N, C-alpha and C. Protein backbone atom coordinates (compact mmCIF):
# COMPACT_ATOMS: atom_id res chain seq x y z
N MET A 1 52.39 68.87 -34.46
CA MET A 1 52.57 68.56 -33.80
C MET A 1 51.65 69.12 -32.56
N ILE A 2 51.34 69.12 -31.94
CA ILE A 2 50.08 69.13 -30.35
C ILE A 2 51.18 70.03 -29.86
N MET A 3 49.56 70.98 -29.45
CA MET A 3 49.95 71.53 -28.58
C MET A 3 48.95 71.49 -26.65
N GLN A 4 50.19 71.17 -25.90
CA GLN A 4 48.81 70.69 -25.41
C GLN A 4 48.42 71.89 -23.92
N ALA A 5 47.78 72.43 -22.98
CA ALA A 5 46.66 73.06 -23.10
C ALA A 5 47.93 73.32 -21.38
N GLU A 6 48.50 74.62 -21.35
CA GLU A 6 48.75 74.81 -19.89
C GLU A 6 48.33 75.06 -18.65
N GLU A 7 49.07 73.16 -17.85
CA GLU A 7 48.03 73.38 -16.42
C GLU A 7 47.81 74.63 -15.35
N LYS A 8 46.56 74.79 -15.63
CA LYS A 8 47.04 76.09 -13.60
C LYS A 8 46.96 76.05 -12.45
N LYS A 9 48.11 76.36 -11.66
CA LYS A 9 48.54 75.97 -10.14
C LYS A 9 47.03 75.93 -9.65
N THR A 10 47.10 74.83 -8.65
CA THR A 10 45.78 75.36 -8.20
C THR A 10 46.13 75.23 -6.60
N TYR A 11 45.83 76.46 -5.95
CA TYR A 11 46.39 76.47 -4.03
C TYR A 11 45.74 75.81 -3.08
N THR A 12 45.71 75.82 -2.28
CA THR A 12 45.04 75.55 -0.62
C THR A 12 44.89 76.53 0.27
N LEU A 13 43.63 76.57 1.14
CA LEU A 13 43.69 78.37 1.40
C LEU A 13 43.83 78.59 2.08
N ASP A 14 45.29 77.76 2.93
CA ASP A 14 46.65 78.42 3.15
C ASP A 14 47.53 78.66 2.47
N GLU A 15 47.30 77.89 1.10
CA GLU A 15 48.55 78.87 0.21
C GLU A 15 47.86 80.47 0.13
N TYR A 16 45.94 80.66 0.24
CA TYR A 16 46.15 81.46 -0.24
C TYR A 16 46.48 82.13 0.23
N LEU A 17 46.01 82.48 1.46
CA LEU A 17 45.74 83.41 2.74
C LEU A 17 47.66 83.78 3.07
N GLU A 18 47.96 82.84 2.62
CA GLU A 18 49.43 83.55 2.66
C GLU A 18 50.23 84.69 2.07
N PHE A 19 50.12 83.82 1.35
CA PHE A 19 50.09 84.77 -0.88
C PHE A 19 49.19 85.84 0.52
N GLU A 20 48.34 86.32 0.54
CA GLU A 20 47.32 87.18 -0.41
C GLU A 20 47.77 87.64 1.20
N VAL A 21 48.01 87.42 2.16
CA VAL A 21 48.34 88.74 3.29
C VAL A 21 50.55 89.03 3.47
N ASN A 22 50.75 88.26 2.67
CA ASN A 22 51.66 89.30 2.31
C ASN A 22 52.30 89.95 1.24
N SER A 23 50.97 90.41 0.02
CA SER A 23 50.75 90.53 -1.32
C SER A 23 50.62 92.82 -0.77
N ASP A 24 50.92 92.52 -1.79
CA ASP A 24 50.82 94.02 -2.11
C ASP A 24 49.53 94.57 -2.75
N THR A 25 48.84 93.62 -3.55
CA THR A 25 47.57 93.83 -4.40
C THR A 25 46.66 92.88 -4.62
N ARG A 26 45.52 92.79 -3.87
CA ARG A 26 44.56 92.19 -3.41
C ARG A 26 44.07 91.34 -4.73
N HIS A 27 44.29 89.74 -4.05
CA HIS A 27 43.87 88.65 -5.11
C HIS A 27 41.94 88.32 -4.76
N GLU A 28 41.16 87.45 -5.91
CA GLU A 28 40.07 86.97 -4.71
C GLU A 28 40.55 85.19 -4.87
N TYR A 29 40.41 84.28 -4.21
CA TYR A 29 40.46 83.22 -4.53
C TYR A 29 38.82 82.14 -5.22
N ILE A 30 39.76 81.59 -6.26
CA ILE A 30 37.96 80.53 -6.70
C ILE A 30 38.27 79.36 -6.24
N ASN A 31 38.03 78.99 -6.20
CA ASN A 31 38.15 77.33 -5.90
C ASN A 31 39.56 76.73 -6.23
N GLY A 32 41.14 77.48 -5.64
CA GLY A 32 42.18 77.04 -5.77
C GLY A 32 42.37 77.34 -6.85
N GLU A 33 42.40 79.12 -7.42
CA GLU A 33 43.19 79.92 -8.36
C GLU A 33 42.83 81.14 -7.86
N ILE A 34 43.63 81.87 -7.52
CA ILE A 34 44.14 83.32 -7.74
C ILE A 34 44.26 83.79 -8.23
N ILE A 35 42.92 85.21 -8.25
CA ILE A 35 43.19 85.47 -9.02
C ILE A 35 43.37 87.06 -8.53
N PRO A 36 44.26 88.05 -9.68
CA PRO A 36 44.25 89.57 -9.16
C PRO A 36 43.78 90.01 -9.57
N MET A 37 43.13 91.08 -8.91
CA MET A 37 41.80 92.22 -8.55
C MET A 37 42.16 93.12 -9.81
N THR A 38 41.76 93.90 -10.36
CA THR A 38 42.07 94.55 -11.79
C THR A 38 41.91 95.91 -11.08
N GLY A 39 42.77 97.42 -11.17
CA GLY A 39 42.57 98.67 -10.38
C GLY A 39 40.90 99.45 -10.77
N GLY A 40 40.63 100.02 -10.15
CA GLY A 40 39.08 100.47 -10.04
C GLY A 40 39.50 101.54 -11.24
N THR A 41 38.79 102.42 -11.61
CA THR A 41 38.53 103.46 -12.16
C THR A 41 37.97 105.20 -11.24
N PRO A 42 38.55 106.15 -11.93
CA PRO A 42 37.97 107.28 -11.07
C PRO A 42 36.67 106.81 -10.24
N GLU A 43 35.51 106.89 -10.96
CA GLU A 43 34.41 106.86 -11.50
C GLU A 43 34.14 105.67 -9.87
N HIS A 44 34.46 104.33 -10.93
CA HIS A 44 34.55 103.15 -9.59
C HIS A 44 34.05 104.08 -8.35
N ASN A 45 36.08 104.37 -8.16
CA ASN A 45 35.71 104.54 -6.57
C ASN A 45 35.06 105.93 -6.03
N GLU A 46 34.76 107.07 -7.20
CA GLU A 46 33.58 107.95 -6.23
C GLU A 46 32.60 107.57 -6.37
N ILE A 47 31.71 106.78 -7.25
CA ILE A 47 30.36 105.62 -5.60
C ILE A 47 30.74 105.00 -5.08
N ALA A 48 31.53 104.31 -5.34
CA ALA A 48 32.00 103.20 -3.34
C ALA A 48 32.60 104.18 -2.82
N SER A 49 33.57 105.48 -2.45
CA SER A 49 32.61 106.61 -2.25
C SER A 49 31.83 107.16 -1.25
N ILE A 50 31.47 106.98 -2.40
CA ILE A 50 29.80 108.31 -1.55
C ILE A 50 28.87 107.29 -0.73
N LEU A 51 28.65 105.86 -1.85
CA LEU A 51 27.56 105.03 -0.55
C LEU A 51 28.28 104.33 -0.03
N ASN A 52 29.69 104.62 0.96
CA ASN A 52 30.13 104.58 1.76
C ASN A 52 29.48 105.64 2.50
N ALA A 53 29.64 106.21 2.75
CA ALA A 53 29.62 108.19 3.73
C ALA A 53 27.88 108.86 3.63
N ALA A 54 27.58 107.18 2.28
CA ALA A 54 25.98 107.42 2.59
C ALA A 54 25.32 106.76 3.76
N PHE A 55 26.08 105.18 3.68
CA PHE A 55 25.53 104.42 4.87
C PHE A 55 26.26 104.73 5.09
N ARG A 56 27.53 105.89 5.47
CA ARG A 56 27.57 105.91 7.56
C ARG A 56 26.97 106.78 7.61
N MET A 57 26.03 107.64 7.32
CA MET A 57 26.03 108.98 8.16
C MET A 57 23.77 108.12 8.27
N SER A 58 23.63 107.99 6.88
CA SER A 58 22.46 106.95 7.21
C SER A 58 22.39 105.76 9.21
N LEU A 59 23.53 104.72 9.37
CA LEU A 59 23.48 103.90 9.93
C LEU A 59 24.18 104.24 11.71
N LYS A 60 24.20 106.04 11.33
CA LYS A 60 25.27 106.14 12.29
C LYS A 60 24.44 105.76 13.64
N GLY A 61 25.20 105.15 14.64
CA GLY A 61 24.26 104.76 16.07
C GLY A 61 24.46 103.72 16.02
N LYS A 62 23.93 102.96 14.72
CA LYS A 62 23.52 101.63 14.47
C LYS A 62 24.36 100.78 14.71
N SER A 63 23.79 99.51 14.30
CA SER A 63 24.28 98.51 14.87
C SER A 63 25.03 97.52 13.73
N TYR A 64 25.60 98.57 12.48
CA TYR A 64 26.42 97.89 11.31
C TYR A 64 27.87 98.51 11.27
N SER A 65 29.01 97.82 10.41
CA SER A 65 30.20 98.11 9.80
C SER A 65 29.48 98.73 9.01
N ILE A 66 30.26 99.11 8.02
CA ILE A 66 30.43 99.78 6.67
C ILE A 66 32.76 98.74 5.91
N PHE A 67 31.97 98.59 5.46
CA PHE A 67 33.47 98.07 4.35
C PHE A 67 33.53 98.59 3.48
N VAL A 68 34.54 98.75 2.78
CA VAL A 68 34.76 98.94 1.57
C VAL A 68 35.87 99.00 0.75
N ALA A 69 35.70 97.71 -0.30
CA ALA A 69 37.09 97.56 -0.86
C ALA A 69 37.58 96.53 0.04
N ASP A 70 39.28 96.86 -0.01
CA ASP A 70 40.00 96.50 1.42
C ASP A 70 39.05 94.26 2.88
N GLN A 71 38.02 95.01 2.16
CA GLN A 71 37.77 93.64 3.18
C GLN A 71 37.46 92.34 2.84
N ARG A 72 38.75 91.51 3.10
CA ARG A 72 37.91 90.00 2.68
C ARG A 72 36.66 89.13 3.00
N LEU A 73 35.89 88.80 2.64
CA LEU A 73 34.29 88.06 2.93
C LEU A 73 34.79 86.46 1.90
N TRP A 74 34.51 85.53 3.04
CA TRP A 74 34.76 84.09 2.43
C TRP A 74 33.76 83.55 2.12
N ILE A 75 32.74 82.71 1.58
CA ILE A 75 31.88 82.26 0.75
C ILE A 75 32.46 80.52 0.92
N PRO A 76 32.00 80.21 2.35
CA PRO A 76 31.81 78.98 1.82
C PRO A 76 32.00 77.50 0.66
N ASP A 77 30.18 77.93 0.71
CA ASP A 77 29.85 77.07 0.15
C ASP A 77 29.82 77.10 -1.82
N ARG A 78 31.12 78.25 -1.35
CA ARG A 78 31.41 78.12 -2.92
C ARG A 78 33.47 78.29 -3.27
N ASN A 79 33.63 78.01 -2.52
CA ASN A 79 35.35 77.70 -1.88
C ASN A 79 35.62 79.54 -2.97
N LEU A 80 35.13 80.65 -1.63
CA LEU A 80 35.51 81.69 -2.71
C LEU A 80 35.80 82.81 -1.56
N TYR A 81 36.92 83.41 -1.83
CA TYR A 81 37.56 84.43 -0.60
C TYR A 81 37.32 85.88 -2.88
N THR A 82 36.54 86.93 -1.71
CA THR A 82 36.72 88.08 -2.44
C THR A 82 36.60 89.21 -1.57
N TYR A 83 36.20 90.27 -2.47
CA TYR A 83 36.54 92.04 -2.17
C TYR A 83 35.72 92.83 -2.14
N PRO A 84 34.65 92.52 -1.80
CA PRO A 84 33.43 93.74 -2.19
C PRO A 84 33.56 95.14 -2.23
N ASP A 85 32.99 95.67 -3.46
CA ASP A 85 33.21 97.83 -2.60
C ASP A 85 32.92 97.24 -2.01
N VAL A 86 31.37 97.02 -2.31
CA VAL A 86 30.13 98.12 -0.54
C VAL A 86 30.32 96.60 -0.46
N MET A 87 30.44 96.72 1.72
CA MET A 87 29.53 95.62 2.25
C MET A 87 28.64 96.79 3.39
N VAL A 88 28.07 96.39 4.05
CA VAL A 88 26.92 96.14 5.29
C VAL A 88 26.54 95.28 6.02
N VAL A 89 27.94 95.29 8.05
CA VAL A 89 27.17 93.71 7.84
C VAL A 89 27.38 93.99 9.40
N PRO A 90 25.87 93.05 9.64
CA PRO A 90 26.24 93.35 11.44
C PRO A 90 26.28 93.19 11.91
N ARG A 91 26.83 94.46 13.49
CA ARG A 91 27.75 93.52 14.82
C ARG A 91 26.54 92.77 15.74
N PRO A 92 27.43 92.06 15.95
CA PRO A 92 29.18 91.84 15.88
C PRO A 92 29.46 90.98 14.65
N LEU A 93 30.27 91.53 14.14
CA LEU A 93 31.26 91.29 12.97
C LEU A 93 31.49 89.16 13.65
N GLN A 94 30.33 88.15 12.31
CA GLN A 94 31.25 86.97 12.28
C GLN A 94 32.23 86.75 11.49
N ARG A 95 33.56 86.04 11.52
CA ARG A 95 34.98 86.45 11.58
C ARG A 95 35.09 84.33 10.92
N GLN A 96 35.66 83.84 9.31
CA GLN A 96 35.85 82.80 9.03
C GLN A 96 36.24 82.49 10.50
N PRO A 97 35.71 81.49 11.09
CA PRO A 97 36.66 80.41 12.51
C PRO A 97 37.62 80.35 11.33
N GLY A 98 39.51 80.12 12.72
CA GLY A 98 40.53 80.87 13.14
C GLY A 98 41.44 81.48 12.23
N ARG A 99 39.89 83.12 11.42
CA ARG A 99 40.85 84.14 10.93
C ARG A 99 40.47 85.64 11.89
N THR A 100 41.55 86.90 11.62
CA THR A 100 40.53 87.87 12.54
C THR A 100 40.55 88.74 11.18
N ASP A 101 41.15 88.38 9.55
CA ASP A 101 41.13 89.24 9.10
C ASP A 101 39.99 88.77 7.61
N THR A 102 38.51 88.32 8.26
CA THR A 102 37.95 87.95 6.93
C THR A 102 36.55 87.36 8.07
N ILE A 103 35.83 88.52 7.12
CA ILE A 103 34.23 87.87 7.58
C ILE A 103 34.14 87.24 6.65
N ILE A 104 32.81 86.49 7.18
CA ILE A 104 31.01 86.12 6.32
C ILE A 104 29.61 86.46 6.37
N ASN A 105 29.29 87.08 7.22
CA ASN A 105 27.76 87.70 7.30
C ASN A 105 27.68 89.10 7.19
N PRO A 106 27.71 89.28 5.36
CA PRO A 106 26.72 90.82 5.54
C PRO A 106 26.26 90.98 4.99
N VAL A 107 25.30 92.39 5.08
CA VAL A 107 24.03 92.04 4.96
C VAL A 107 23.76 92.57 3.64
N ILE A 108 23.75 93.37 2.72
CA ILE A 108 23.98 93.91 2.14
C ILE A 108 25.56 94.37 1.44
N ILE A 109 25.37 93.93 -0.34
CA ILE A 109 26.85 93.76 -0.78
C ILE A 109 26.06 94.66 -1.84
N ALA A 110 27.49 95.61 -2.31
CA ALA A 110 27.28 96.80 -4.00
C ALA A 110 28.29 96.61 -4.46
N GLU A 111 29.00 95.93 -6.11
CA GLU A 111 28.81 95.74 -6.78
C GLU A 111 29.43 96.98 -7.44
N VAL A 112 30.10 97.87 -7.55
CA VAL A 112 30.27 99.25 -8.93
C VAL A 112 30.58 98.04 -10.33
N LEU A 113 29.97 98.10 -11.69
CA LEU A 113 29.94 97.32 -12.60
C LEU A 113 31.42 98.71 -13.40
N SER A 114 32.53 97.27 -13.62
CA SER A 114 32.75 98.03 -14.61
C SER A 114 33.10 97.00 -16.29
N LYS A 115 33.75 97.20 -17.45
CA LYS A 115 33.25 96.50 -18.35
C LYS A 115 33.50 94.72 -18.93
N SER A 116 34.81 95.61 -17.33
CA SER A 116 35.54 93.46 -18.05
C SER A 116 34.90 92.83 -16.21
N THR A 117 34.05 93.15 -15.44
CA THR A 117 34.07 92.31 -14.48
C THR A 117 32.38 92.07 -14.08
N LYS A 118 31.48 92.91 -15.28
CA LYS A 118 29.72 92.77 -15.38
C LYS A 118 29.42 91.81 -15.13
N SER A 119 29.29 91.38 -15.98
CA SER A 119 28.80 89.84 -16.28
C SER A 119 28.84 88.75 -15.28
N TYR A 120 30.35 88.87 -14.66
CA TYR A 120 30.71 88.02 -13.59
C TYR A 120 29.68 88.10 -12.28
N ASP A 121 29.79 90.07 -12.14
CA ASP A 121 29.03 90.05 -10.58
C ASP A 121 27.83 90.39 -10.62
N ARG A 122 27.10 89.86 -11.65
CA ARG A 122 25.75 89.90 -13.12
C ARG A 122 25.25 87.91 -12.00
N ASP A 123 26.14 87.16 -12.42
CA ASP A 123 25.98 85.91 -12.65
C ASP A 123 26.25 84.49 -11.53
N GLU A 124 28.03 84.77 -11.33
CA GLU A 124 28.80 83.92 -11.12
C GLU A 124 28.60 84.66 -9.39
N LYS A 125 29.15 85.69 -9.32
CA LYS A 125 29.39 86.45 -8.78
C LYS A 125 28.24 85.98 -7.30
N PHE A 126 27.40 86.82 -7.86
CA PHE A 126 25.50 86.63 -6.85
C PHE A 126 25.65 85.42 -7.03
N SER A 127 25.64 84.66 -7.64
CA SER A 127 25.14 83.51 -6.95
C SER A 127 26.30 82.77 -5.98
N ALA A 128 26.99 83.39 -5.88
CA ALA A 128 27.67 82.91 -5.41
C ALA A 128 27.13 83.89 -3.13
N TYR A 129 27.11 84.93 -3.53
CA TYR A 129 26.43 85.83 -2.60
C TYR A 129 25.62 85.21 -2.38
N ARG A 130 24.73 84.62 -3.59
CA ARG A 130 23.24 84.10 -2.06
C ARG A 130 23.46 82.68 -1.97
N THR A 131 24.68 82.33 -0.90
CA THR A 131 24.66 81.37 -0.64
C THR A 131 24.70 81.83 1.20
N ILE A 132 25.23 82.75 1.20
CA ILE A 132 25.53 83.32 2.49
C ILE A 132 24.02 83.55 3.67
N PRO A 133 24.29 83.40 4.26
CA PRO A 133 22.66 83.11 4.66
C PRO A 133 22.19 84.54 5.19
N THR A 134 22.74 85.31 5.55
CA THR A 134 22.87 86.53 6.20
C THR A 134 22.56 87.33 4.63
N PHE A 135 22.86 87.19 3.37
CA PHE A 135 22.94 88.22 2.74
C PHE A 135 20.99 88.14 2.33
N GLN A 136 20.74 90.06 2.24
CA GLN A 136 19.51 90.22 2.42
C GLN A 136 19.63 91.26 0.35
N GLU A 137 20.41 91.86 0.35
CA GLU A 137 20.31 92.64 -0.66
C GLU A 137 21.97 93.24 -1.91
N TYR A 138 21.18 93.37 -3.17
CA TYR A 138 22.17 93.11 -3.48
C TYR A 138 22.08 94.71 -4.47
N LEU A 139 22.92 95.14 -4.62
CA LEU A 139 23.30 96.47 -5.31
C LEU A 139 24.39 97.11 -6.91
N LEU A 140 23.89 96.88 -8.21
CA LEU A 140 24.62 96.29 -9.34
C LEU A 140 24.75 98.17 -9.81
N ILE A 141 25.45 98.91 -9.27
CA ILE A 141 25.82 100.40 -10.47
C ILE A 141 26.33 100.78 -11.10
N ASP A 142 26.45 100.97 -11.50
CA ASP A 142 26.66 101.21 -13.04
C ASP A 142 27.64 102.72 -13.12
N GLN A 143 28.53 102.06 -13.49
CA GLN A 143 29.31 103.77 -13.34
C GLN A 143 29.50 104.10 -14.81
N TYR A 144 28.78 104.20 -15.02
CA TYR A 144 28.63 104.79 -17.43
C TYR A 144 27.99 104.98 -17.15
N THR A 145 26.83 104.87 -17.00
CA THR A 145 25.69 105.48 -16.95
C THR A 145 24.15 105.22 -15.95
N PRO A 146 24.09 106.75 -14.79
CA PRO A 146 22.86 106.49 -14.19
C PRO A 146 21.82 105.34 -14.35
N HIS A 147 22.59 104.77 -13.74
CA HIS A 147 21.83 102.81 -14.02
C HIS A 147 21.63 101.87 -12.14
N ILE A 148 20.73 101.96 -12.29
CA ILE A 148 21.78 100.58 -10.94
C ILE A 148 20.34 99.97 -10.45
N GLU A 149 20.51 98.72 -10.83
CA GLU A 149 20.04 96.84 -10.34
C GLU A 149 19.81 96.58 -9.21
N GLN A 150 18.73 96.64 -8.49
CA GLN A 150 18.05 95.64 -7.17
C GLN A 150 18.24 95.27 -6.90
N TYR A 151 17.93 93.72 -6.10
CA TYR A 151 17.56 92.76 -5.88
C TYR A 151 17.66 92.51 -4.13
N SER A 152 16.16 92.23 -4.33
CA SER A 152 15.73 92.15 -2.81
C SER A 152 15.12 90.29 -2.67
N LYS A 153 16.22 90.00 -1.38
CA LYS A 153 15.58 88.65 -0.74
C LYS A 153 14.67 88.82 -0.28
N THR A 154 13.26 87.99 -0.73
CA THR A 154 12.06 88.30 0.03
C THR A 154 11.50 86.88 -0.13
N GLY A 155 11.98 86.06 0.37
CA GLY A 155 11.68 84.35 1.10
C GLY A 155 12.91 83.09 0.70
N SER A 156 12.58 82.76 0.97
CA SER A 156 14.05 81.28 0.74
C SER A 156 14.21 80.93 -0.34
N SER A 157 14.91 81.39 -1.08
CA SER A 157 15.99 81.40 -3.10
C SER A 157 14.98 82.82 -3.78
N LYS A 158 13.95 83.28 -3.09
CA LYS A 158 12.99 84.40 -4.12
C LYS A 158 13.75 86.17 -4.06
N TRP A 159 13.59 86.24 -5.28
CA TRP A 159 14.55 87.40 -4.47
C TRP A 159 13.79 89.18 -6.05
N LEU A 160 13.41 90.00 -5.42
CA LEU A 160 12.70 90.66 -5.97
C LEU A 160 13.32 91.84 -6.86
N PHE A 161 13.31 91.78 -7.73
CA PHE A 161 14.61 93.11 -9.14
C PHE A 161 13.77 94.14 -9.02
N THR A 162 14.55 95.23 -8.76
CA THR A 162 14.34 95.82 -9.16
C THR A 162 15.10 97.08 -10.30
N GLU A 163 15.02 99.07 -10.87
CA GLU A 163 16.59 98.71 -12.19
C GLU A 163 16.09 100.18 -11.95
N TYR A 164 16.65 100.46 -12.13
CA TYR A 164 16.65 102.97 -11.11
C TYR A 164 17.00 103.50 -12.81
N ASN A 165 16.44 103.57 -13.79
CA ASN A 165 17.44 104.56 -14.55
C ASN A 165 17.01 106.18 -14.47
N GLY A 166 18.57 107.06 -14.81
CA GLY A 166 18.05 108.45 -14.94
C GLY A 166 18.64 109.24 -12.99
N ILE A 167 18.89 110.03 -13.09
CA ILE A 167 19.55 110.88 -12.02
C ILE A 167 17.63 111.75 -11.47
N GLY A 168 16.72 111.32 -11.83
CA GLY A 168 16.14 111.69 -10.84
C GLY A 168 15.58 110.84 -10.37
N SER A 169 16.00 109.19 -9.90
CA SER A 169 15.67 108.67 -9.12
C SER A 169 16.20 108.22 -8.09
N SER A 170 15.53 107.48 -7.50
CA SER A 170 16.05 107.29 -5.61
C SER A 170 16.09 105.30 -5.38
N ILE A 171 16.94 105.17 -4.63
CA ILE A 171 16.51 103.63 -4.40
C ILE A 171 16.38 103.63 -2.79
N SER A 172 16.14 103.42 -2.44
CA SER A 172 15.39 102.50 -1.35
C SER A 172 15.74 101.23 -0.99
N LEU A 173 16.61 100.78 0.93
CA LEU A 173 16.52 99.05 0.56
C LEU A 173 15.73 98.94 1.49
N ALA A 174 15.63 97.96 1.31
CA ALA A 174 14.55 96.78 2.53
C ALA A 174 14.68 96.18 3.20
N SER A 175 16.24 95.72 3.24
CA SER A 175 17.16 94.68 4.31
C SER A 175 16.95 96.51 6.10
N ILE A 176 17.62 97.37 5.42
CA ILE A 176 17.92 98.34 6.53
C ILE A 176 16.96 99.63 5.87
N SER A 177 17.13 100.27 6.91
CA SER A 177 16.88 101.73 6.76
C SER A 177 17.74 102.83 5.96
N PHE A 178 17.27 102.93 4.97
CA PHE A 178 18.30 103.77 3.66
C PHE A 178 17.37 103.86 2.91
N GLU A 179 17.57 105.35 2.13
CA GLU A 179 17.56 105.73 0.40
C GLU A 179 18.31 106.33 0.05
N ILE A 180 18.05 106.82 -0.98
CA ILE A 180 19.09 107.52 -1.60
C ILE A 180 19.40 107.80 -2.89
N SER A 181 19.00 109.23 -3.68
CA SER A 181 18.55 109.57 -4.73
C SER A 181 20.04 109.07 -6.43
N LEU A 182 19.69 108.71 -6.70
CA LEU A 182 21.05 108.48 -7.67
C LEU A 182 21.26 109.64 -8.13
N ALA A 183 21.07 110.71 -8.27
CA ALA A 183 21.59 112.65 -9.03
C ALA A 183 22.42 112.28 -7.19
N ASP A 184 22.29 111.61 -6.40
CA ASP A 184 23.45 112.36 -5.39
C ASP A 184 25.28 111.88 -4.92
N ILE A 185 24.54 110.17 -6.09
CA ILE A 185 25.37 108.71 -6.06
C ILE A 185 26.31 108.87 -7.02
N TYR A 186 25.47 110.44 -8.56
CA TYR A 186 26.52 111.03 -9.76
C TYR A 186 26.86 111.63 -9.68
N GLU A 187 26.75 112.37 -7.99
CA GLU A 187 26.86 114.37 -8.16
C GLU A 187 27.81 114.94 -9.20
N SER A 188 29.11 114.40 -8.79
CA SER A 188 29.70 114.52 -9.08
C SER A 188 30.27 114.25 -11.09
N PHE A 189 29.53 113.15 -12.04
CA PHE A 189 29.55 112.75 -12.98
C PHE A 189 28.83 114.36 -14.21
N GLU A 190 29.17 113.69 -15.30
CA GLU A 190 28.89 114.58 -16.16
C GLU A 190 28.62 113.21 -17.26
N PHE A 191 27.73 112.46 -17.72
CA PHE A 191 27.45 111.28 -19.28
C PHE A 191 27.00 111.85 -20.23
N ALA A 192 27.48 111.80 -21.30
CA ALA A 192 26.93 112.10 -22.30
C ALA A 192 25.65 112.11 -22.46
N PRO A 193 24.96 113.24 -23.91
CA PRO A 193 23.46 112.92 -23.98
C PRO A 193 23.45 112.03 -24.66
């Protein structure tokens, strides 16, 4: 007896958007496939919240908007809709043509890593983000240990990698004037020795 692989249903962009607008949960769209997004841990949400608050205080009065988790991003070169954990976006916002709820011009994206998504966030998702012309900086924040990876664009197709370990470290961004200590990001966390 030969088992046949079940065909995955593919959706058009319009089908996805109609589905997503009417859904109670968020989904990514990758080349015609609708993928449910898993819920985050309390640590995941706390890191995103702390980073959001720090960006808000640092960028107050400047021409940036900060979005956390629920703002849809369209990446046309990869046929991808996604919801980054934290985005810093210059104003005026650039929206996907024909949409009022989807942006296309982040300058900074931060993802809080989980065990199930860390490889995707480092590889395919970062590759997709690099196709966005305005994108300048990427932060990958570990929720299980005080560790952050930073990628800063230094030129066309050139990215500088910097790694931060331990709560004694501080991170500075190159694309905007912003600095935060890992002690502040992980302020309420208790890590095993």
